[in-house]
Amino acid sequence: MTFEQFTGTATYLASPELRDAVNVAVALERPLLIKGEPGTGKTMLAEAIAEGLGLEFLSWNIKSTSKGHDGLYVYDTVARLNDARFGDRDIGDIRRYIKLGPLGRSFKSAERVVLLIDEVDKADMEFPNDLLHELDRMSFQIDETGETVTATQRPIVVVTSNNEKELPDAFLRRCVFHYIAFPDEDLMRDIVQVHHPEIEEELLRQVLIAFYWLREQTELRKRPSTSELIDWIAALRRAGVRKEAMEEKLPFLGVLLKHEQDLGSVAGPRARRAGVLH
């Protein structure tokens, strides 16, 4: 079986290594596990794959309370009980009260889809293990009806992690892994120009110098990310900030830095004295 190759999209620039990881995962029909700093485009990758390959996109956003079973289906006992009390519906057909979750819908779909399991490490340690059988077999049984749901078109599964906790080895063995490295200045320039194609060249140069200087400050609790850089440039452009103003101070630092001690350590004239923009 041959699959169309993922090459990125007009709004998502993927490195050659990332493109290779995606295409290997698609060819092997294995989940793609993506790690990287927050704001490096892990979640957006799954949407880009769907767009690039012309497939439907489904998302399962994991919370601390998420259970593996939730992604398959939920039996709505409360709705059935209410129908039984008021007597206005036939409660004999249990299938009416079965609601498929994102993983279940991806199996049930007649067409191939892209399924994002976002921030898998937010759930407890057993959560990834609870999915092993279903992701291997691409099927599950609905206990209340005895129905077996089996994928006729195996979904492209993208799993993201922020490294909040270690994932089980058994889960890792079943995945194709890729770490999205933080973009260097050349790639970041290309990314910015996708989102801000009309940015003035000198402003872009100063913005990138200031941004990478900030990321080098070891005292920062949280270094600014790619998505925050895009937002910062949008704020600068919307306010009409010129390159000359950038030489006096770094405006709107609250878009980039999210802790008061981080703001205090770099705000004001310090950046200029350090020669950031010269």
C-alpha atoms as a PDB file:
ATOM      1  CA  MET A   1       0.000   0.000   0.000  1.00  0.00           C
ATOM      2  CA  THR A   2       1.349   3.434  -0.911  1.00  0.00           C
ATOM      3  CA  PHE A   3       0.572   6.685   0.860  1.00  0.00           C
ATOM      4  CA  GLU A   4       0.862  10.299  -0.165  1.00  0.00           C
ATOM      5  CA  GLN A   5       3.979  11.908   1.311  1.00  0.00           C
ATOM      6  CA  PHE A   6       3.673  14.668   3.897  1.00  0.00           C
ATOM      7  CA  THR A   7       5.793  17.686   2.928  1.00  0.00           C
ATOM      8  CA  GLY A   8       4.384  20.371   5.228  1.00  0.00           C
ATOM      9  CA  THR A   9       1.820  23.013   4.336  1.00  0.00           C
ATOM     10  CA  ALA A  10       1.810  26.660   3.367  1.00  0.00           C
ATOM     11  CA  THR A  11       1.498  27.626   7.032  1.00  0.00           C
ATOM     12  CA  TYR A  12       3.464  24.794   8.679  1.00  0.00           C
ATOM     13  CA  LEU A  13       7.133  24.523   7.767  1.00  0.00           C
ATOM     14  CA  ALA A  14       8.443  21.081   8.685  1.00  0.00           C
ATOM     15  CA  SER A  15      12.149  20.240   8.806  1.00  0.00           C
ATOM     16  CA  PRO A  16      13.361  17.329   6.630  1.00  0.00           C
ATOM     17  CA  GLU A  17      13.802  15.214   9.769  1.00  0.00           C
ATOM     18  CA  LEU A  18      10.229  15.884  10.907  1.00  0.00           C
ATOM     19  CA  ARG A  19       8.845  15.133   7.454  1.00  0.00           C
ATOM     20  CA  ASP A  20      10.733  11.832   7.443  1.00  0.00           C
ATOM     21  CA  ALA A  21       9.378  10.904  10.901  1.00  0.00           C
ATOM     22  CA  VAL A  22       5.806  11.608   9.798  1.00  0.00           C
ATOM     23  CA  ASN A  23       6.122   9.610   6.607  1.00  0.00           C
ATOM     24  CA  VAL A  24       7.792   6.660   8.350  1.00  0.00           C
ATOM     25  CA  ALA A  25       5.004   6.564  10.954  1.00  0.00           C
ATOM     26  CA  VAL A  26       2.378   6.688   8.198  1.00  0.00           C
ATOM     27  CA  ALA A  27       4.086   3.927   6.217  1.00  0.00           C
ATOM     28  CA  LEU A  28       4.551   1.677   9.271  1.00  0.00           C
ATOM     29  CA  GLU A  29       1.052   2.510  10.554  1.00  0.00           C
ATOM     30  CA  ARG A  30       2.514   3.278  13.970  1.00  0.00           C
ATOM     31  CA  PRO A  31       1.628   6.147  16.329  1.00  0.00           C
ATOM     32  CA  LEU A  32       3.940   9.142  15.968  1.00  0.00           C
ATOM     33  CA  LEU A  33       5.129  10.372  19.368  1.00  0.00           C
ATOM     34  CA  ILE A  34       6.180  14.034  19.281  1.00  0.00           C
ATOM     35  CA  LYS A  35       8.071  15.813  22.029  1.00  0.00           C
ATOM     36  CA  GLY A  36       9.561  19.295  22.180  1.00  0.00           C
ATOM     37  CA  GLU A  37       9.435  22.594  24.021  1.00  0.00           C
ATOM     38  CA  PRO A  38       5.970  24.109  24.487  1.00  0.00           C
ATOM     39  CA  GLY A  39       5.163  26.354  21.545  1.00  0.00           C
ATOM     40  CA  THR A  40       7.217  24.464  18.954  1.00  0.00           C
ATOM     41  CA  GLY A  41       4.178  23.326  16.966  1.00  0.00           C
ATOM     42  CA  LYS A  42       3.547  19.819  18.315  1.00  0.00           C
ATOM     43  CA  THR A  43      -0.233  20.164  18.356  1.00  0.00           C
ATOM     44  CA  MET A  44      -0.312  22.066  15.074  1.00  0.00           C
ATOM     45  CA  LEU A  45       1.626  19.248  13.388  1.00  0.00           C
ATOM     46  CA  ALA A  46      -1.349  16.883  13.508  1.00  0.00           C
ATOM     47  CA  GLU A  47      -3.593  19.537  11.953  1.00  0.00           C
ATOM     48  CA  ALA A  48      -0.954  20.162   9.278  1.00  0.00           C
ATOM     49  CA  ILE A  49      -0.746  16.446   8.468  1.00  0.00           C
ATOM     50  CA  ALA A  50      -4.518  16.339   8.028  1.00  0.00           C
ATOM     51  CA  GLU A  51      -4.438  19.424   5.822  1.00  0.00           C
ATOM     52  CA  GLY A  52      -1.445  18.251   3.815  1.00  0.00           C
ATOM     53  CA  LEU A  53      -2.891  14.793   3.145  1.00  0.00           C
ATOM     54  CA  GLY A  54      -6.486  15.967   2.735  1.00  0.00           C
ATOM     55  CA  LEU A  55      -7.832  13.950   5.673  1.00  0.00           C
ATOM     56  CA  GLU A  56     -10.347  14.621   8.440  1.00  0.00           C
ATOM     57  CA  PHE A  57      -8.841  15.766  11.740  1.00  0.00           C
ATOM     58  CA  LEU A  58      -9.966  14.477  15.151  1.00  0.00           C
ATOM     59  CA  SER A  59      -8.578  15.632  18.485  1.00  0.00           C
ATOM     60  CA  TRP A  60      -8.470  14.074  21.949  1.00  0.00           C
ATOM     61  CA  ASN A  61      -7.196  16.594  24.489  1.00  0.00           C
ATOM     62  CA  ILE A  62      -5.922  14.683  27.505  1.00  0.00           C
ATOM     63  CA  LYS A  63      -6.574  15.909  31.058  1.00  0.00           C
ATOM     64  CA  SER A  64      -5.370  14.668  34.439  1.00  0.00           C
ATOM     65  CA  THR A  65      -8.678  12.826  34.835  1.00  0.00           C
ATOM     66  CA  SER A  66      -8.696  11.195  31.373  1.00  0.00           C
ATOM     67  CA  LYS A  67      -8.989   7.428  31.109  1.00  0.00           C
ATOM     68  CA  GLY A  68      -8.169   5.279  28.120  1.00  0.00           C
ATOM     69  CA  HIS A  69     -11.724   3.992  27.941  1.00  0.00           C
ATOM     70  CA  ASP A  70     -13.028   7.557  27.461  1.00  0.00           C
ATOM     71  CA  GLY A  71     -11.408   7.731  24.038  1.00  0.00           C
ATOM     72  CA  LEU A  72     -13.237   4.601  22.889  1.00  0.00           C
ATOM     73  CA  TYR A  73     -16.814   5.152  24.026  1.00  0.00           C
ATOM     74  CA  VAL A  74     -19.035   6.269  26.886  1.00  0.00           C
ATOM     75  CA  TYR A  75     -22.247   4.561  27.958  1.00  0.00           C
ATOM     76  CA  ASP A  76     -24.624   7.355  28.954  1.00  0.00           C
ATOM     77  CA  THR A  77     -26.478   5.678  31.821  1.00  0.00           C
ATOM     78  CA  VAL A  78     -27.864   8.999  33.062  1.00  0.00           C
ATOM     79  CA  ALA A  79     -29.647   9.683  29.771  1.00  0.00           C
ATOM     80  CA  ARG A  80     -31.093   6.157  29.754  1.00  0.00           C
ATOM     81  CA  LEU A  81     -32.283   6.516  33.342  1.00  0.00           C
ATOM     82  CA  ASN A  82     -33.981   9.810  32.555  1.00  0.00           C
ATOM     83  CA  ASP A  83     -35.696   8.297  29.519  1.00  0.00           C
ATOM     84  CA  ALA A  84     -36.890   5.398  31.682  1.00  0.00           C
ATOM     85  CA  ARG A  85     -38.299   7.770  34.307  1.00  0.00           C
ATOM     86  CA  PHE A  86     -40.221   9.959  31.893  1.00  0.00           C
ATOM     87  CA  GLY A  87     -41.218   7.130  29.584  1.00  0.00           C
ATOM     88  CA  ASP A  88     -41.053   9.123  26.352  1.00  0.00           C
ATOM     89  CA  ARG A  89     -38.414   7.010  24.588  1.00  0.00           C
ATOM     90  CA  ASP A  90     -37.654   3.368  23.890  1.00  0.00           C
ATOM     91  CA  ILE A  91     -34.787   2.447  26.220  1.00  0.00           C
ATOM     92  CA  GLY A  92     -34.506  -1.127  24.953  1.00  0.00           C
ATOM     93  CA  ASP A  93     -31.939  -0.220  22.287  1.00  0.00           C
ATOM     94  CA  ILE A  94     -28.786   0.382  24.322  1.00  0.00           C
ATOM     95  CA  ARG A  95     -26.932   1.528  21.207  1.00  0.00           C
ATOM     96  CA  ARG A  96     -28.814   4.823  21.461  1.00  0.00           C
ATOM     97  CA  TYR A  97     -26.840   5.556  24.630  1.00  0.00           C
ATOM     98  CA  ILE A  98     -23.385   4.635  23.354  1.00  0.00           C
ATOM     99  CA  LYS A  99     -21.316   7.692  22.411  1.00  0.00           C
ATOM    100  CA  LEU A 100     -18.026   7.044  20.643  1.00  0.00           C
ATOM    101  CA  GLY A 101     -14.987   8.966  21.815  1.00  0.00           C
ATOM    102  CA  PRO A 102     -12.303  10.382  19.486  1.00  0.00           C
ATOM    103  CA  LEU A 103     -10.402   7.084  19.232  1.00  0.00           C
ATOM    104  CA  GLY A 104     -13.632   5.182  18.653  1.00  0.00           C
ATOM    105  CA  ARG A 105     -14.727   7.612  15.934  1.00  0.00           C
ATOM    106  CA  SER A 106     -11.340   7.305  14.220  1.00  0.00           C
ATOM    107  CA  PHE A 107     -11.818   3.509  14.067  1.00  0.00           C
ATOM    108  CA  LYS A 108     -15.436   3.761  12.948  1.00  0.00           C
ATOM    109  CA  SER A 109     -14.720   6.228  10.136  1.00  0.00           C
ATOM    110  CA  ALA A 110     -15.055   4.818   6.641  1.00  0.00           C
ATOM    111  CA  GLU A 111     -12.232   7.115   5.524  1.00  0.00           C
ATOM    112  CA  ARG A 112      -8.753   7.454   6.953  1.00  0.00           C
ATOM    113  CA  VAL A 113      -8.438  10.247   9.521  1.00  0.00           C
ATOM    114  CA  VAL A 114      -5.704  11.931  11.542  1.00  0.00           C
ATOM    115  CA  LEU A 115      -6.168  11.546  15.297  1.00  0.00           C
ATOM    116  CA  LEU A 116      -4.320  13.794  17.728  1.00  0.00           C
ATOM    117  CA  ILE A 117      -3.847  12.494  21.290  1.00  0.00           C
ATOM    118  CA  ASP A 118      -2.630  15.739  22.796  1.00  0.00           C
ATOM    119  CA  GLU A 119      -0.420  15.941  25.921  1.00  0.00           C
ATOM    120  CA  VAL A 120      -0.620  12.257  26.789  1.00  0.00           C
ATOM    121  CA  ASP A 121       1.631  12.803  29.816  1.00  0.00           C
ATOM    122  CA  LYS A 122      -1.058  14.828  31.622  1.00  0.00           C
ATOM    123  CA  ALA A 123      -2.898  11.625  32.539  1.00  0.00           C
ATOM    124  CA  ASP A 124      -1.741   9.045  35.061  1.00  0.00           C
ATOM    125  CA  MET A 125       1.012   6.532  34.345  1.00  0.00           C
ATOM    126  CA  GLU A 126      -1.394   3.756  33.367  1.00  0.00           C
ATOM    127  CA  PHE A 127      -3.152   5.803  30.696  1.00  0.00           C
ATOM    128  CA  PRO A 128      -0.757   4.967  27.806  1.00  0.00           C
ATOM    129  CA  ASN A 129      -0.751   1.277  28.762  1.00  0.00           C
ATOM    130  CA  ASP A 130      -4.561   1.252  28.667  1.00  0.00           C
ATOM    131  CA  LEU A 131      -4.368   2.060  24.947  1.00  0.00           C
ATOM    132  CA  LEU A 132      -1.798  -0.572  23.929  1.00  0.00           C
ATOM    133  CA  HIS A 133      -4.220  -3.281  22.825  1.00  0.00           C
ATOM    134  CA  GLU A 134      -6.501  -0.908  20.920  1.00  0.00           C
ATOM    135  CA  LEU A 135      -3.642   0.865  19.137  1.00  0.00           C
ATOM    136  CA  ASP A 136      -2.062  -2.480  18.204  1.00  0.00           C
ATOM    137  CA  ARG A 137      -5.231  -4.167  16.978  1.00  0.00           C
ATOM    138  CA  MET A 138      -7.074  -1.015  15.908  1.00  0.00           C
ATOM    139  CA  SER A 139     -10.247  -2.498  17.336  1.00  0.00           C
ATOM    140  CA  PHE A 140     -12.244  -2.619  20.568  1.00  0.00           C
ATOM    141  CA  GLN A 141     -15.433  -4.149  21.913  1.00  0.00           C
ATOM    142  CA  ILE A 142     -18.441  -2.298  23.281  1.00  0.00           C
ATOM    143  CA  ASP A 143     -19.244  -4.394  26.337  1.00  0.00           C
ATOM    144  CA  GLU A 144     -22.861  -3.241  26.671  1.00  0.00           C
ATOM    145  CA  THR A 145     -23.817  -4.342  23.132  1.00  0.00           C
ATOM    146  CA  GLY A 146     -21.170  -6.920  22.279  1.00  0.00           C
ATOM    147  CA  GLU A 147     -20.309  -5.003  19.112  1.00  0.00           C
ATOM    148  CA  THR A 148     -16.708  -5.015  17.934  1.00  0.00           C
ATOM    149  CA  VAL A 149     -15.501  -1.827  16.263  1.00  0.00           C
ATOM    150  CA  THR A 150     -12.571  -2.449  13.928  1.00  0.00           C
ATOM    151  CA  ALA A 151     -10.840   0.174  11.824  1.00  0.00           C
ATOM    152  CA  THR A 152     -11.194  -0.441   8.101  1.00  0.00           C
ATOM    153  CA  GLN A 153      -8.765   2.436   7.498  1.00  0.00           C
ATOM    154  CA  ARG A 154      -6.088   2.693  10.186  1.00  0.00           C
ATOM    155  CA  PRO A 155      -5.977   6.284  11.466  1.00  0.00           C
ATOM    156  CA  ILE A 156      -2.768   8.299  11.496  1.00  0.00           C
ATOM    157  CA  VAL A 157      -2.221   8.745  15.229  1.00  0.00           C
ATOM    158  CA  VAL A 158      -0.121  11.656  16.500  1.00  0.00           C
ATOM    159  CA  VAL A 159       0.682  11.653  20.228  1.00  0.00           C
ATOM    160  CA  THR A 160       2.236  14.715  21.875  1.00  0.00           C
ATOM    161  CA  SER A 161       4.073  14.929  25.187  1.00  0.00           C
ATOM    162  CA  ASN A 162       5.568  17.809  27.163  1.00  0.00           C
ATOM    163  CA  ASN A 163       7.814  15.479  29.171  1.00  0.00           C
ATOM    164  CA  GLU A 164       5.844  16.078  32.370  1.00  0.00           C
ATOM    165  CA  LYS A 165       6.303  12.404  33.230  1.00  0.00           C
ATOM    166  CA  GLU A 166       8.004   9.351  31.763  1.00  0.00           C
ATOM    167  CA  LEU A 167       5.985   7.195  29.393  1.00  0.00           C
ATOM    168  CA  PRO A 168       5.989   3.399  29.779  1.00  0.00           C
ATOM    169  CA  ASP A 169       8.520   1.446  27.716  1.00  0.00           C
ATOM    170  CA  ALA A 170       5.786  -0.786  26.312  1.00  0.00           C
ATOM    171  CA  PHE A 171       4.071   2.284  24.870  1.00  0.00           C
ATOM    172  CA  LEU A 172       7.311   3.774  23.545  1.00  0.00           C
ATOM    173  CA  ARG A 173       8.177   0.557  21.701  1.00  0.00           C
ATOM    174  CA  ARG A 174       5.045   0.900  19.614  1.00  0.00           C
ATOM    175  CA  CYS A 175       5.720   4.483  18.519  1.00  0.00           C
ATOM    176  CA  VAL A 176       7.849   6.282  15.981  1.00  0.00           C
ATOM    177  CA  PHE A 177       9.538   9.053  17.982  1.00  0.00           C
ATOM    178  CA  HIS A 178      10.620  12.548  16.990  1.00  0.00           C
ATOM    179  CA  TYR A 179      11.815  15.475  19.086  1.00  0.00           C
ATOM    180  CA  ILE A 180      11.082  18.862  17.511  1.00  0.00           C
ATOM    181  CA  ALA A 181      14.259  20.837  18.081  1.00  0.00           C
ATOM    182  CA  PHE A 182      13.870  24.557  18.641  1.00  0.00           C
ATOM    183  CA  PRO A 183      14.226  26.346  15.266  1.00  0.00           C
ATOM    184  CA  ASP A 184      17.530  28.027  14.483  1.00  0.00           C
ATOM    185  CA  GLU A 185      17.463  31.638  13.303  1.00  0.00           C
ATOM    186  CA  ASP A 186      17.263  30.794   9.591  1.00  0.00           C
ATOM    187  CA  LEU A 187      14.286  28.478  10.014  1.00  0.00           C
ATOM    188  CA  MET A 188      12.665  30.913  12.438  1.00  0.00           C
ATOM    189  CA  ARG A 189      12.973  33.659   9.842  1.00  0.00           C
ATOM    190  CA  ASP A 190      11.086  31.458   7.378  1.00  0.00           C
ATOM    191  CA  ILE A 191       8.422  30.639   9.988  1.00  0.00           C
ATOM    192  CA  VAL A 192       7.907  34.316  10.838  1.00  0.00           C
ATOM    193  CA  GLN A 193       7.583  35.274   7.186  1.00  0.00           C
ATOM    194  CA  VAL A 194       4.844  32.679   6.725  1.00  0.00           C
ATOM    195  CA  HIS A 195       2.794  34.407   9.441  1.00  0.00           C
ATOM    196  CA  HIS A 196       3.976  37.977   8.753  1.00  0.00           C
ATOM    197  CA  PRO A 197       4.881  38.093   5.044  1.00  0.00           C
ATOM    198  CA  GLU A 198       4.971  41.913   4.948  1.00  0.00           C
ATOM    199  CA  ILE A 199       7.223  42.482   7.955  1.00  0.00           C
ATOM    200  CA  GLU A 200       9.931  45.082   7.458  1.00  0.00           C
ATOM    201  CA  GLU A 201      13.337  43.422   7.089  1.00  0.00           C
ATOM    202  CA  GLU A 202      15.116  45.595   9.648  1.00  0.00           C
ATOM    203  CA  LEU A 203      12.351  45.077  12.207  1.00  0.00           C
ATOM    204  CA  LEU A 204      12.523  41.333  11.635  1.00  0.00           C
ATOM    205  CA  ARG A 205      16.281  41.371  12.135  1.00  0.00           C
ATOM    206  CA  GLN A 206      16.000  43.264  15.422  1.00  0.00           C
ATOM    207  CA  VAL A 207      13.126  41.103  16.645  1.00  0.00           C
ATOM    208  CA  LEU A 208      15.085  37.900  16.039  1.00  0.00           C
ATOM    209  CA  ILE A 209      18.220  39.267  17.720  1.00  0.00           C
ATOM    210  CA  ALA A 210      16.210  40.291  20.779  1.00  0.00           C
ATOM    211  CA  PHE A 211      14.265  37.017  20.860  1.00  0.00           C
ATOM    212  CA  TYR A 212      17.315  34.753  20.763  1.00  0.00           C
ATOM    213  CA  TRP A 213      19.092  36.993  23.266  1.00  0.00           C
ATOM    214  CA  LEU A 214      16.170  36.508  25.650  1.00  0.00           C
ATOM    215  CA  ARG A 215      16.286  32.740  25.186  1.00  0.00           C
ATOM    216  CA  GLU A 216      19.978  32.757  26.160  1.00  0.00           C
ATOM    217  CA  GLN A 217      19.261  34.342  29.559  1.00  0.00           C
ATOM    218  CA  THR A 218      19.857  31.522  32.016  1.00  0.00           C
ATOM    219  CA  GLU A 219      17.893  33.182  34.826  1.00  0.00           C
ATOM    220  CA  LEU A 220      14.562  32.980  32.963  1.00  0.00           C
ATOM    221  CA  ARG A 221      12.050  30.558  34.451  1.00  0.00           C
ATOM    222  CA  LYS A 222      10.374  30.155  31.059  1.00  0.00           C
ATOM    223  CA  ARG A 223      12.051  30.929  27.781  1.00  0.00           C
ATOM    224  CA  PRO A 224       9.835  32.464  25.069  1.00  0.00           C
ATOM    225  CA  SER A 225       8.526  30.087  22.416  1.00  0.00           C
ATOM    226  CA  THR A 226       7.890  30.262  18.682  1.00  0.00           C
ATOM    227  CA  SER A 227       4.173  30.915  19.119  1.00  0.00           C
ATOM    228  CA  GLU A 228       4.923  33.747  21.545  1.00  0.00           C
ATOM    229  CA  LEU A 229       7.351  35.273  19.054  1.00  0.00           C
ATOM    230  CA  ILE A 230       4.642  35.264  16.378  1.00  0.00           C
ATOM    231  CA  ASP A 231       2.258  36.972  18.819  1.00  0.00           C
ATOM    232  CA  TRP A 232       4.937  39.511  19.832  1.00  0.00           C
ATOM    233  CA  ILE A 233       5.532  40.511  16.229  1.00  0.00           C
ATOM    234  CA  ALA A 234       1.776  40.869  15.726  1.00  0.00           C
ATOM    235  CA  ALA A 235       1.617  43.192  18.742  1.00  0.00           C
ATOM    236  CA  LEU A 236       4.568  45.255  17.509  1.00  0.00           C
ATOM    237  CA  ARG A 237       3.111  45.640  14.043  1.00  0.00           C
ATOM    238  CA  ARG A 238      -0.388  46.415  15.281  1.00  0.00           C
ATOM    239  CA  ALA A 239       1.022  49.151  17.531  1.00  0.00           C
ATOM    240  CA  GLY A 240       3.127  50.524  14.692  1.00  0.00           C
ATOM    241  CA  VAL A 241       6.416  50.033  16.559  1.00  0.00           C
ATOM    242  CA  ARG A 242       9.386  50.990  14.388  1.00  0.00           C
ATOM    243  CA  LYS A 243      12.922  49.710  14.541  1.00  0.00           C
ATOM    244  CA  GLU A 244      14.071  52.965  16.164  1.00  0.00           C
ATOM    245  CA  ALA A 245      11.764  52.380  19.137  1.00  0.00           C
ATOM    246  CA  MET A 246      13.184  48.871  19.520  1.00  0.00           C
ATOM    247  CA  GLU A 247      16.608  50.381  20.160  1.00  0.00           C
ATOM    248  CA  GLU A 248      15.315  52.190  23.273  1.00  0.00           C
ATOM    249  CA  LYS A 249      13.542  49.262  24.916  1.00  0.00           C
ATOM    250  CA  LEU A 250      11.769  46.009  24.150  1.00  0.00           C
ATOM    251  CA  PRO A 251       8.019  46.780  24.057  1.00  0.00           C
ATOM    252  CA  PHE A 252       5.238  44.411  25.136  1.00  0.00           C
ATOM    253  CA  LEU A 253       7.534  41.975  26.926  1.00  0.00           C
ATOM    254  CA  GLY A 254       4.500  40.472  28.622  1.00  0.00           C
ATOM    255  CA  VAL A 255       3.733  38.734  25.336  1.00  0.00           C
ATOM    256  CA  LEU A 256       7.063  36.882  25.547  1.00  0.00           C
ATOM    257  CA  LEU A 257       7.723  36.501  29.269  1.00  0.00           C
ATOM    258  CA  LYS A 258       5.160  35.080  31.685  1.00  0.00           C
ATOM    259  CA  HIS A 259       6.767  35.431  35.131  1.00  0.00           C
ATOM    260  CA  GLU A 260       7.243  38.682  37.041  1.00  0.00           C
ATOM    261  CA  GLN A 261      10.863  37.885  37.921  1.00  0.00           C
ATOM    262  CA  ASP A 262      11.597  37.234  34.238  1.00  0.00           C
ATOM    263  CA  LEU A 263      10.147  40.610  33.306  1.00  0.00           C
ATOM    264  CA  GLY A 264      12.145  42.294  36.052  1.00  0.00           C
ATOM    265  CA  SER A 265      15.410  40.749  34.953  1.00  0.00           C
ATOM    266  CA  VAL A 266      15.293  41.972  31.335  1.00  0.00           C
ATOM    267  CA  ALA A 267      12.903  44.957  31.244  1.00  0.00           C
ATOM    268  CA  GLY A 268      13.997  48.530  30.872  1.00  0.00           C
ATOM    269  CA  PRO A 269      17.359  49.650  29.477  1.00  0.00           C
ATOM    270  CA  ARG A 270      19.244  46.465  30.310  1.00  0.00           C
ATOM    271  CA  ALA A 271      18.676  44.933  26.887  1.00  0.00           C
ATOM    272  CA  ARG A 272      19.962  48.056  25.159  1.00  0.00           C
ATOM    273  CA  ARG A 273      23.031  48.296  27.409  1.00  0.00           C
ATOM    274  CA  ALA A 274      23.814  44.678  26.655  1.00  0.00           C
ATOM    275  CA  GLY A 275      23.999  45.600  22.972  1.00  0.00           C
ATOM    276  CA  VAL A 276      21.106  43.370  21.954  1.00  0.00           C
ATOM    277  CA  LEU A 277      20.062  45.355  18.952  1.00  0.00           C
ATOM    278  CA  HIS A 278      23.447  46.557  17.742  1.00  0.00           C
END
